[in-house]
């Protein structure tokens, strides 16, 4: 239950931070979900100075998906085992 709260809260804060900073909202939500309760730090992060709402590098998307998949597997293991 705590893990779901971690993911949902972090994703929501990351989404809002990304919108305010002019970043890709999906990348902000993904980063926020990974950071969890540390996601408010995204408000303090500076932009790369690149184009607004540009897509994140492909490797970051792949890495984020792998991290979230591993987190989900561990969470399912804890819930079922």
Protein backbone atom coordinates (compact mmCIF):
# COMPACT_ATOMS: atom_id res chain seq x y z
CA UNK A 1 0.00 0.00 0.00
CA UNK A 2 2.85 2.35 0.80
CA UNK A 3 4.45 1.55 -2.55
CA UNK A 4 1.30 2.55 -4.43
CA UNK A 5 1.14 5.79 -2.45
CA UNK A 6 4.84 6.37 -3.28
CA UNK A 7 4.23 5.89 -7.00
CA UNK A 8 0.99 7.85 -7.24
CA UNK A 9 2.11 10.83 -5.17
CA UNK A 10 5.51 11.00 -6.84
CA UNK A 11 4.00 10.78 -10.31
CA UNK A 12 1.48 13.53 -9.55
CA UNK A 13 4.11 15.88 -8.13
CA UNK A 14 6.48 15.11 -11.02
CA UNK A 15 3.73 15.81 -13.55
CA UNK A 16 2.96 19.21 -12.01
CA UNK A 17 6.66 20.09 -11.72
CA UNK A 18 7.23 19.20 -15.37
CA UNK A 19 4.31 21.36 -16.50
CA UNK A 20 5.56 24.35 -14.52
CA UNK A 21 9.14 23.92 -15.77
CA UNK A 22 8.07 23.38 -19.39
CA UNK A 23 9.33 19.79 -19.53
CA UNK A 24 7.66 16.75 -21.01
CA UNK A 25 4.87 15.88 -18.50
CA UNK A 26 5.25 12.13 -19.09
CA UNK A 27 8.95 12.32 -18.24
CA UNK A 28 8.13 14.38 -15.16
CA UNK A 29 5.58 11.82 -13.99
CA UNK A 30 8.02 8.98 -14.58
CA UNK A 31 10.80 10.78 -12.73
CA UNK A 32 8.46 11.68 -9.90
CA UNK A 33 7.27 8.09 -9.56
CA UNK A 34 10.86 6.91 -9.26
CA UNK A 35 11.75 9.63 -6.74
CA UNK A 36 8.60 9.15 -4.67
CA UNK A 37 8.57 11.40 -1.61
CA UNK A 38 11.69 13.16 -2.95
CA UNK A 39 9.81 14.27 -6.08
CA UNK A 40 9.38 17.88 -4.85
CA UNK A 41 13.09 18.22 -5.63
CA UNK A 42 12.03 18.38 -9.29
CA UNK A 43 10.78 21.91 -8.61
CA UNK A 44 14.32 22.92 -7.67
CA UNK A 45 15.92 21.29 -10.72
CA UNK A 46 17.00 23.53 -13.53
CA UNK A 47 16.09 22.82 -17.11
CA UNK A 48 18.56 21.74 -19.74
CA UNK A 49 17.88 24.88 -21.72
CA UNK A 50 16.56 22.77 -24.57
CA UNK A 51 13.33 22.96 -26.48
CA UNK A 52 10.18 23.02 -24.34
CA UNK A 53 8.21 19.77 -24.10
CA UNK A 54 10.88 17.89 -26.01
CA UNK A 55 10.88 14.13 -25.64
CA UNK A 56 13.34 12.67 -23.13
CA UNK A 57 16.26 10.66 -24.46
CA UNK A 58 15.20 7.13 -25.34
CA UNK A 59 17.63 5.58 -22.85
CA UNK A 60 15.96 7.47 -19.98
CA UNK A 61 12.56 6.18 -21.00
CA UNK A 62 13.87 2.61 -21.21
CA UNK A 63 15.62 2.95 -17.86
CA UNK A 64 12.48 4.33 -16.24
CA UNK A 65 10.36 1.49 -17.57
CA UNK A 66 12.88 -1.08 -16.32
CA UNK A 67 13.00 0.50 -12.86
CA UNK A 68 9.22 0.67 -12.59
CA UNK A 69 8.87 -2.94 -13.83
CA UNK A 70 11.37 -4.14 -11.23
CA UNK A 71 9.54 -2.18 -8.55
CA UNK A 72 6.22 -3.72 -9.61
CA UNK A 73 7.71 -7.24 -9.54
CA UNK A 74 9.04 -6.70 -6.02
CA UNK A 75 5.72 -5.24 -4.92
CA UNK A 76 3.79 -8.21 -6.34
CA UNK A 77 6.21 -10.59 -4.65
CA UNK A 78 5.59 -8.91 -1.32
CA UNK A 79 1.83 -8.92 -1.77
CA UNK A 80 1.57 -12.52 -2.95
CA UNK A 81 4.32 -14.14 -0.99
